[in-house]
Amino acid sequence: MVGAVDASRVGSVFTGTPPFEVTRRDVVAFADAVGATSTVHRDVDAARAAGYADLVAPVTFAVVVAQEAESEYIADPASGIDFSRVVHADESFAHRRPLVAGESVTTAVHVDAVTTRGPLTLVTTRTELADAAGDGVATVVSTLAVRGADA
């Protein structure tokens, strides 16, 4: 154990989250929330004219899918993570293609690192997103800072 977070979980992979259904409503709501103004996020005809099957999610939409999947690991009592003590520290994205409304996305959450720095434990996960055919869509790397009991 490193602090309260179980470092022995490094190398674990979590795949039990049901597929995420990307909806038009999700895409538009996220575009509104982040101020994305491209018509491909709101107008199906514009998205299709740009070569997509439906509305295109903003690039950072992948975090919505990743965070839902990460909850399988975080909520597991064996992780040792008290979510009330978590602060989001970092996020990065590597896209192979955009997420599009109407598709179903599966996830695999990899626990890549657990590192202690003073009163914080940094937990790095890598979530691989794949489409229904199993083809990779995006990778989301997230680092959470978990405050220790005395922090």
N, C-alpha and C. Protein backbone atom coordinates (compact mmCIF):
# COMPACT_ATOMS: atom_id res chain seq x y z
N MET A 1 0.83 -1.19 0.00
CA MET A 1 0.00 0.00 0.00
C MET A 1 0.87 1.25 0.00
N VAL A 2 0.49 2.25 -0.76
CA VAL A 2 1.11 3.56 -0.74
C VAL A 2 0.06 4.49 -0.16
N GLY A 3 0.27 4.97 1.07
CA GLY A 3 -0.79 5.75 1.71
C GLY A 3 -2.02 4.87 1.83
N ALA A 4 -3.20 5.41 1.56
CA ALA A 4 -4.42 4.62 1.61
C ALA A 4 -4.72 3.97 0.27
N VAL A 5 -4.05 4.40 -0.77
CA VAL A 5 -4.30 3.87 -2.11
C VAL A 5 -3.46 2.60 -2.30
N ASP A 6 -4.11 1.56 -2.79
CA ASP A 6 -3.43 0.27 -2.96
C ASP A 6 -2.59 0.26 -4.22
N ALA A 7 -1.27 0.37 -4.03
CA ALA A 7 -0.34 0.39 -5.17
C ALA A 7 -0.24 -0.96 -5.86
N SER A 8 -0.69 -2.02 -5.22
CA SER A 8 -0.63 -3.34 -5.86
C SER A 8 -1.61 -3.45 -7.03
N ARG A 9 -2.49 -2.46 -7.18
CA ARG A 9 -3.43 -2.47 -8.30
C ARG A 9 -2.80 -2.00 -9.60
N VAL A 10 -1.57 -1.46 -9.54
CA VAL A 10 -0.88 -1.07 -10.78
C VAL A 10 -0.77 -2.31 -11.67
N GLY A 11 -1.14 -2.13 -12.92
CA GLY A 11 -1.15 -3.24 -13.87
C GLY A 11 -2.53 -3.85 -14.04
N SER A 12 -3.46 -3.51 -13.15
CA SER A 12 -4.83 -4.02 -13.26
C SER A 12 -5.55 -3.37 -14.44
N VAL A 13 -6.48 -4.11 -15.01
CA VAL A 13 -7.30 -3.60 -16.12
C VAL A 13 -8.76 -3.85 -15.77
N PHE A 14 -9.57 -2.82 -15.93
CA PHE A 14 -10.99 -2.89 -15.61
C PHE A 14 -11.80 -2.76 -16.90
N THR A 15 -12.62 -3.77 -17.18
CA THR A 15 -13.41 -3.78 -18.43
C THR A 15 -14.89 -4.02 -18.17
N GLY A 16 -15.35 -3.87 -16.93
CA GLY A 16 -16.73 -4.21 -16.59
C GLY A 16 -17.76 -3.13 -16.82
N THR A 17 -17.34 -1.95 -17.26
CA THR A 17 -18.30 -0.88 -17.49
C THR A 17 -19.08 -1.17 -18.78
N PRO A 18 -20.40 -1.07 -18.73
CA PRO A 18 -21.18 -1.30 -19.96
C PRO A 18 -20.78 -0.32 -21.05
N PRO A 19 -21.01 -0.67 -22.31
CA PRO A 19 -20.70 0.25 -23.41
C PRO A 19 -21.38 1.60 -23.21
N PHE A 20 -20.68 2.64 -23.61
CA PHE A 20 -21.20 4.02 -23.53
C PHE A 20 -21.86 4.33 -24.86
N GLU A 21 -23.12 4.70 -24.81
CA GLU A 21 -23.86 5.06 -26.02
C GLU A 21 -23.74 6.57 -26.22
N VAL A 22 -23.07 6.98 -27.28
CA VAL A 22 -22.91 8.41 -27.57
C VAL A 22 -24.19 8.89 -28.24
N THR A 23 -24.86 9.85 -27.61
CA THR A 23 -26.13 10.35 -28.16
C THR A 23 -25.95 11.77 -28.69
N ARG A 24 -26.85 12.16 -29.55
CA ARG A 24 -26.85 13.54 -30.05
C ARG A 24 -27.00 14.51 -28.88
N ARG A 25 -27.88 14.18 -27.96
CA ARG A 25 -28.11 15.05 -26.81
C ARG A 25 -26.81 15.23 -26.01
N ASP A 26 -26.06 14.14 -25.79
CA ASP A 26 -24.78 14.22 -25.09
C ASP A 26 -23.81 15.14 -25.82
N VAL A 27 -23.73 14.98 -27.13
CA VAL A 27 -22.79 15.76 -27.94
C VAL A 27 -23.13 17.25 -27.86
N VAL A 28 -24.40 17.59 -28.05
CA VAL A 28 -24.81 18.99 -28.02
C VAL A 28 -24.60 19.58 -26.63
N ALA A 29 -24.98 18.85 -25.59
CA ALA A 29 -24.82 19.35 -24.22
C ALA A 29 -23.35 19.58 -23.89
N PHE A 30 -22.48 18.67 -24.32
CA PHE A 30 -21.06 18.84 -24.04
C PHE A 30 -20.49 20.01 -24.85
N ALA A 31 -20.91 20.13 -26.10
CA ALA A 31 -20.46 21.26 -26.92
C ALA A 31 -20.88 22.58 -26.27
N ASP A 32 -22.10 22.64 -25.75
CA ASP A 32 -22.56 23.83 -25.04
C ASP A 32 -21.69 24.10 -23.82
N ALA A 33 -21.40 23.05 -23.05
CA ALA A 33 -20.64 23.21 -21.81
C ALA A 33 -19.23 23.72 -22.04
N VAL A 34 -18.60 23.30 -23.15
CA VAL A 34 -17.21 23.70 -23.39
C VAL A 34 -17.09 24.84 -24.39
N GLY A 35 -18.22 25.32 -24.89
CA GLY A 35 -18.18 26.45 -25.82
C GLY A 35 -17.71 26.08 -27.21
N ALA A 36 -17.89 24.82 -27.59
CA ALA A 36 -17.50 24.39 -28.95
C ALA A 36 -18.57 24.87 -29.93
N THR A 37 -18.17 25.63 -30.93
CA THR A 37 -19.14 26.29 -31.80
C THR A 37 -19.27 25.69 -33.20
N SER A 38 -18.46 24.71 -33.54
CA SER A 38 -18.53 24.13 -34.88
C SER A 38 -19.92 23.54 -35.14
N THR A 39 -20.40 23.72 -36.34
CA THR A 39 -21.72 23.17 -36.70
C THR A 39 -21.73 21.65 -36.69
N VAL A 40 -20.59 20.99 -36.82
CA VAL A 40 -20.57 19.52 -36.81
C VAL A 40 -20.98 18.94 -35.46
N HIS A 41 -20.99 19.79 -34.41
CA HIS A 41 -21.42 19.35 -33.08
C HIS A 41 -22.92 19.50 -32.88
N ARG A 42 -23.61 20.23 -33.78
CA ARG A 42 -25.01 20.56 -33.55
C ARG A 42 -25.93 20.29 -34.74
N ASP A 43 -25.39 20.20 -35.92
CA ASP A 43 -26.20 20.10 -37.13
C ASP A 43 -25.82 18.82 -37.87
N VAL A 44 -26.75 17.86 -37.89
CA VAL A 44 -26.48 16.57 -38.53
C VAL A 44 -26.11 16.74 -39.99
N ASP A 45 -26.79 17.63 -40.71
CA ASP A 45 -26.49 17.84 -42.12
C ASP A 45 -25.05 18.36 -42.30
N ALA A 46 -24.63 19.26 -41.43
CA ALA A 46 -23.26 19.79 -41.51
C ALA A 46 -22.25 18.69 -41.21
N ALA A 47 -22.56 17.84 -40.22
CA ALA A 47 -21.65 16.74 -39.89
C ALA A 47 -21.54 15.77 -41.05
N ARG A 48 -22.67 15.46 -41.67
CA ARG A 48 -22.66 14.53 -42.81
C ARG A 48 -21.94 15.14 -44.01
N ALA A 49 -22.12 16.43 -44.21
CA ALA A 49 -21.42 17.11 -45.31
C ALA A 49 -19.91 17.09 -45.08
N ALA A 50 -19.50 17.02 -43.82
CA ALA A 50 -18.07 16.96 -43.49
C ALA A 50 -17.55 15.52 -43.50
N GLY A 51 -18.43 14.56 -43.84
CA GLY A 51 -17.99 13.18 -43.98
C GLY A 51 -18.25 12.27 -42.79
N TYR A 52 -19.04 12.73 -41.83
CA TYR A 52 -19.33 11.93 -40.64
C TYR A 52 -20.74 11.36 -40.71
N ALA A 53 -21.00 10.28 -40.01
CA ALA A 53 -22.31 9.63 -40.01
C ALA A 53 -23.34 10.42 -39.20
N ASP A 54 -22.86 11.20 -38.23
CA ASP A 54 -23.78 11.93 -37.35
C ASP A 54 -22.98 13.04 -36.67
N LEU A 55 -23.57 13.64 -35.63
CA LEU A 55 -22.90 14.72 -34.91
C LEU A 55 -21.55 14.26 -34.38
N VAL A 56 -20.58 15.14 -34.43
CA VAL A 56 -19.21 14.85 -33.99
C VAL A 56 -19.03 15.43 -32.59
N ALA A 57 -18.56 14.60 -31.68
CA ALA A 57 -18.31 15.08 -30.31
C ALA A 57 -17.04 15.93 -30.29
N PRO A 58 -17.03 16.99 -29.47
CA PRO A 58 -15.77 17.75 -29.28
C PRO A 58 -14.68 16.80 -28.78
N VAL A 59 -13.44 17.11 -29.07
CA VAL A 59 -12.35 16.19 -28.74
C VAL A 59 -12.28 15.82 -27.26
N THR A 60 -12.61 16.76 -26.38
CA THR A 60 -12.52 16.46 -24.96
C THR A 60 -13.71 15.66 -24.43
N PHE A 61 -14.68 15.37 -25.28
CA PHE A 61 -15.83 14.55 -24.88
C PHE A 61 -15.38 13.18 -24.40
N ALA A 62 -14.26 12.70 -24.88
CA ALA A 62 -13.75 11.39 -24.48
C ALA A 62 -13.60 11.27 -22.97
N VAL A 63 -13.40 12.41 -22.28
CA VAL A 63 -13.27 12.38 -20.83
C VAL A 63 -14.57 11.91 -20.17
N VAL A 64 -15.69 12.20 -20.75
CA VAL A 64 -16.98 11.76 -20.20
C VAL A 64 -17.02 10.23 -20.18
N VAL A 65 -16.63 9.63 -21.27
CA VAL A 65 -16.61 8.17 -21.38
C VAL A 65 -15.58 7.60 -20.42
N ALA A 66 -14.39 8.19 -20.39
CA ALA A 66 -13.31 7.69 -19.54
C ALA A 66 -13.66 7.78 -18.06
N GLN A 67 -14.23 8.90 -17.63
CA GLN A 67 -14.55 9.04 -16.21
C GLN A 67 -15.63 8.05 -15.77
N GLU A 68 -16.58 7.80 -16.64
CA GLU A 68 -17.59 6.79 -16.29
C GLU A 68 -16.91 5.43 -16.10
N ALA A 69 -15.99 5.09 -16.99
CA ALA A 69 -15.30 3.81 -16.90
C ALA A 69 -14.36 3.76 -15.69
N GLU A 70 -13.67 4.86 -15.40
CA GLU A 70 -12.75 4.91 -14.25
C GLU A 70 -13.48 4.65 -12.94
N SER A 71 -14.77 4.97 -12.90
CA SER A 71 -15.51 4.81 -11.64
C SER A 71 -15.54 3.34 -11.20
N GLU A 72 -15.43 2.40 -12.14
CA GLU A 72 -15.38 0.98 -11.78
C GLU A 72 -14.19 0.71 -10.86
N TYR A 73 -13.04 1.28 -11.21
CA TYR A 73 -11.83 1.13 -10.40
C TYR A 73 -11.92 1.95 -9.11
N ILE A 74 -12.29 3.22 -9.24
CA ILE A 74 -12.30 4.12 -8.08
C ILE A 74 -13.30 3.66 -7.02
N ALA A 75 -14.47 3.18 -7.44
CA ALA A 75 -15.51 2.76 -6.50
C ALA A 75 -15.20 1.42 -5.84
N ASP A 76 -14.26 0.68 -6.39
CA ASP A 76 -13.89 -0.62 -5.82
C ASP A 76 -13.20 -0.38 -4.47
N PRO A 77 -13.76 -0.86 -3.37
CA PRO A 77 -13.14 -0.63 -2.06
C PRO A 77 -11.67 -1.07 -2.01
N ALA A 78 -11.31 -2.08 -2.80
CA ALA A 78 -9.93 -2.56 -2.81
C ALA A 78 -8.95 -1.53 -3.37
N SER A 79 -9.45 -0.52 -4.11
CA SER A 79 -8.55 0.50 -4.66
C SER A 79 -7.96 1.37 -3.56
N GLY A 80 -8.72 1.53 -2.47
CA GLY A 80 -8.26 2.39 -1.38
C GLY A 80 -8.45 3.87 -1.67
N ILE A 81 -9.22 4.20 -2.69
CA ILE A 81 -9.42 5.61 -3.06
C ILE A 81 -10.72 6.12 -2.46
N ASP A 82 -10.60 7.18 -1.67
CA ASP A 82 -11.76 7.88 -1.13
C ASP A 82 -12.02 9.04 -2.08
N PHE A 83 -13.07 8.93 -2.90
CA PHE A 83 -13.30 9.92 -3.95
C PHE A 83 -13.55 11.31 -3.39
N SER A 84 -13.98 11.42 -2.15
CA SER A 84 -14.19 12.74 -1.55
C SER A 84 -12.86 13.45 -1.32
N ARG A 85 -11.74 12.73 -1.46
CA ARG A 85 -10.42 13.31 -1.25
C ARG A 85 -9.65 13.43 -2.58
N VAL A 86 -10.36 13.32 -3.70
CA VAL A 86 -9.73 13.32 -5.03
C VAL A 86 -9.84 14.69 -5.69
N VAL A 87 -8.73 15.11 -6.30
CA VAL A 87 -8.68 16.30 -7.14
C VAL A 87 -8.12 15.84 -8.48
N HIS A 88 -8.75 16.29 -9.56
CA HIS A 88 -8.26 15.93 -10.89
C HIS A 88 -6.97 16.71 -11.17
N ALA A 89 -5.89 16.02 -11.46
CA ALA A 89 -4.59 16.68 -11.62
C ALA A 89 -4.18 16.89 -13.07
N ASP A 90 -4.51 15.93 -13.95
CA ASP A 90 -4.05 16.04 -15.34
C ASP A 90 -4.90 15.14 -16.23
N GLU A 91 -4.98 15.51 -17.50
CA GLU A 91 -5.72 14.74 -18.50
C GLU A 91 -5.06 14.95 -19.85
N SER A 92 -4.92 13.87 -20.61
CA SER A 92 -4.43 14.01 -21.98
C SER A 92 -5.20 13.05 -22.88
N PHE A 93 -5.24 13.39 -24.15
CA PHE A 93 -6.01 12.64 -25.13
C PHE A 93 -5.15 12.30 -26.34
N ALA A 94 -5.34 11.10 -26.84
CA ALA A 94 -4.76 10.71 -28.13
C ALA A 94 -5.92 10.11 -28.93
N HIS A 95 -6.31 10.80 -29.99
CA HIS A 95 -7.46 10.36 -30.79
C HIS A 95 -6.99 9.68 -32.07
N ARG A 96 -7.68 8.61 -32.42
CA ARG A 96 -7.46 7.97 -33.71
C ARG A 96 -8.49 8.47 -34.71
N ARG A 97 -9.65 8.84 -34.16
CA ARG A 97 -10.73 9.44 -34.94
C ARG A 97 -11.73 10.05 -33.97
N PRO A 98 -12.61 10.94 -34.46
CA PRO A 98 -13.60 11.55 -33.56
C PRO A 98 -14.67 10.55 -33.09
N LEU A 99 -15.22 10.81 -31.94
CA LEU A 99 -16.40 10.10 -31.47
C LEU A 99 -17.61 10.72 -32.17
N VAL A 100 -18.58 9.89 -32.55
CA VAL A 100 -19.73 10.34 -33.31
C VAL A 100 -21.01 9.84 -32.65
N ALA A 101 -22.04 10.68 -32.61
CA ALA A 101 -23.33 10.29 -32.05
C ALA A 101 -23.83 9.04 -32.76
N GLY A 102 -24.45 8.17 -31.98
CA GLY A 102 -25.01 6.94 -32.53
C GLY A 102 -24.12 5.73 -32.35
N GLU A 103 -22.88 5.95 -31.89
CA GLU A 103 -22.01 4.79 -31.72
C GLU A 103 -21.95 4.34 -30.27
N SER A 104 -21.57 3.09 -30.12
CA SER A 104 -21.40 2.46 -28.82
C SER A 104 -19.91 2.27 -28.59
N VAL A 105 -19.43 2.72 -27.42
CA VAL A 105 -18.00 2.72 -27.14
C VAL A 105 -17.71 1.85 -25.91
N THR A 106 -16.78 0.91 -26.06
CA THR A 106 -16.35 0.11 -24.93
C THR A 106 -15.05 0.67 -24.37
N THR A 107 -14.75 0.30 -23.13
CA THR A 107 -13.58 0.86 -22.46
C THR A 107 -12.78 -0.22 -21.74
N ALA A 108 -11.50 0.06 -21.62
CA ALA A 108 -10.60 -0.73 -20.77
C ALA A 108 -9.77 0.28 -20.00
N VAL A 109 -9.91 0.26 -18.66
CA VAL A 109 -9.19 1.18 -17.80
C VAL A 109 -7.97 0.45 -17.24
N HIS A 110 -6.80 0.99 -17.54
CA HIS A 110 -5.53 0.42 -17.06
C HIS A 110 -5.02 1.29 -15.92
N VAL A 111 -4.67 0.68 -14.80
CA VAL A 111 -4.04 1.42 -13.71
C VAL A 111 -2.54 1.39 -14.00
N ASP A 112 -2.02 2.54 -14.44
CA ASP A 112 -0.62 2.60 -14.89
C ASP A 112 0.37 2.99 -13.81
N ALA A 113 -0.04 3.79 -12.83
CA ALA A 113 0.92 4.22 -11.81
C ALA A 113 0.20 4.70 -10.55
N VAL A 114 0.85 4.45 -9.42
CA VAL A 114 0.44 4.98 -8.12
C VAL A 114 1.72 5.48 -7.47
N THR A 115 1.80 6.80 -7.27
CA THR A 115 3.02 7.43 -6.77
C THR A 115 2.68 8.38 -5.62
N THR A 116 3.48 8.33 -4.55
CA THR A 116 3.25 9.24 -3.43
C THR A 116 4.20 10.42 -3.53
N ARG A 117 3.63 11.60 -3.34
CA ARG A 117 4.40 12.85 -3.31
C ARG A 117 3.90 13.65 -2.12
N GLY A 118 4.62 13.58 -1.02
CA GLY A 118 4.19 14.26 0.20
C GLY A 118 2.86 13.70 0.65
N PRO A 119 1.88 14.58 0.94
CA PRO A 119 0.58 14.12 1.43
C PRO A 119 -0.36 13.64 0.32
N LEU A 120 0.11 13.64 -0.92
CA LEU A 120 -0.72 13.23 -2.05
C LEU A 120 -0.27 11.90 -2.63
N THR A 121 -1.24 11.14 -3.09
CA THR A 121 -0.95 9.96 -3.88
C THR A 121 -1.50 10.24 -5.27
N LEU A 122 -0.64 10.15 -6.27
CA LEU A 122 -1.05 10.37 -7.66
C LEU A 122 -1.36 9.03 -8.30
N VAL A 123 -2.55 8.93 -8.85
CA VAL A 123 -3.01 7.71 -9.49
C VAL A 123 -3.20 8.01 -10.97
N THR A 124 -2.47 7.30 -11.82
CA THR A 124 -2.57 7.51 -13.26
C THR A 124 -3.26 6.32 -13.90
N THR A 125 -4.35 6.63 -14.62
CA THR A 125 -5.06 5.60 -15.37
C THR A 125 -4.99 5.92 -16.85
N ARG A 126 -5.11 4.89 -17.65
CA ARG A 126 -5.16 5.03 -19.11
C ARG A 126 -6.40 4.29 -19.57
N THR A 127 -7.33 5.03 -20.16
CA THR A 127 -8.57 4.41 -20.63
C THR A 127 -8.53 4.33 -22.15
N GLU A 128 -8.64 3.10 -22.64
CA GLU A 128 -8.67 2.85 -24.08
C GLU A 128 -10.13 2.75 -24.50
N LEU A 129 -10.53 3.59 -25.46
CA LEU A 129 -11.89 3.58 -25.99
C LEU A 129 -11.88 2.88 -27.34
N ALA A 130 -12.86 1.99 -27.54
CA ALA A 130 -12.95 1.26 -28.81
C ALA A 130 -14.40 1.27 -29.29
N ASP A 131 -14.56 1.20 -30.60
CA ASP A 131 -15.91 1.18 -31.17
C ASP A 131 -16.46 -0.25 -31.15
N ALA A 132 -17.67 -0.43 -31.67
CA ALA A 132 -18.34 -1.73 -31.63
C ALA A 132 -17.56 -2.80 -32.38
N ALA A 133 -16.75 -2.41 -33.36
CA ALA A 133 -15.94 -3.37 -34.11
C ALA A 133 -14.64 -3.72 -33.37
N GLY A 134 -14.40 -3.03 -32.24
CA GLY A 134 -13.18 -3.27 -31.48
C GLY A 134 -12.01 -2.41 -31.91
N ASP A 135 -12.25 -1.50 -32.85
CA ASP A 135 -11.18 -0.62 -33.32
C ASP A 135 -10.98 0.53 -32.33
N GLY A 136 -9.72 0.85 -32.05
CA GLY A 136 -9.41 1.93 -31.13
C GLY A 136 -9.91 3.27 -31.64
N VAL A 137 -10.50 4.05 -30.75
CA VAL A 137 -11.00 5.37 -31.08
C VAL A 137 -10.13 6.44 -30.43
N ALA A 138 -9.85 6.26 -29.13
CA ALA A 138 -9.08 7.26 -28.39
C ALA A 138 -8.47 6.64 -27.14
N THR A 139 -7.45 7.30 -26.63
CA THR A 139 -6.84 6.95 -25.35
C THR A 139 -6.90 8.19 -24.47
N VAL A 140 -7.38 8.01 -23.24
CA VAL A 140 -7.45 9.10 -22.28
C VAL A 140 -6.56 8.73 -21.10
N VAL A 141 -5.55 9.56 -20.83
CA VAL A 141 -4.69 9.35 -19.67
C VAL A 141 -5.06 10.38 -18.63
N SER A 142 -5.36 9.90 -17.44
CA SER A 142 -5.85 10.76 -16.36
C SER A 142 -4.99 10.56 -15.12
N THR A 143 -4.67 11.65 -14.46
CA THR A 143 -3.98 11.57 -13.18
C THR A 143 -4.86 12.22 -12.11
N LEU A 144 -5.13 11.45 -11.07
CA LEU A 144 -5.91 11.93 -9.94
C LEU A 144 -4.97 12.13 -8.76
N ALA A 145 -5.15 13.21 -8.04
CA ALA A 145 -4.41 13.45 -6.81
C ALA A 145 -5.33 13.12 -5.65
N VAL A 146 -4.92 12.14 -4.84
CA VAL A 146 -5.72 11.69 -3.71
C VAL A 146 -5.05 12.23 -2.44
N ARG A 147 -5.76 13.11 -1.74
CA ARG A 147 -5.22 13.68 -0.50
C ARG A 147 -5.24 12.62 0.59
N GLY A 148 -4.15 12.55 1.34
CA GLY A 148 -4.08 11.65 2.47
C GLY A 148 -4.99 12.11 3.59
N ALA A 149 -5.16 11.28 4.59
CA ALA A 149 -6.07 11.59 5.70
C ALA A 149 -5.69 12.86 6.43
N ASP A 150 -4.40 13.21 6.44
CA ASP A 150 -3.93 14.39 7.17
C ASP A 150 -3.79 15.62 6.28
N ALA A 151 -4.14 15.50 5.00
CA ALA A 151 -3.94 16.63 4.08
C ALA A 151 -5.21 17.44 3.94
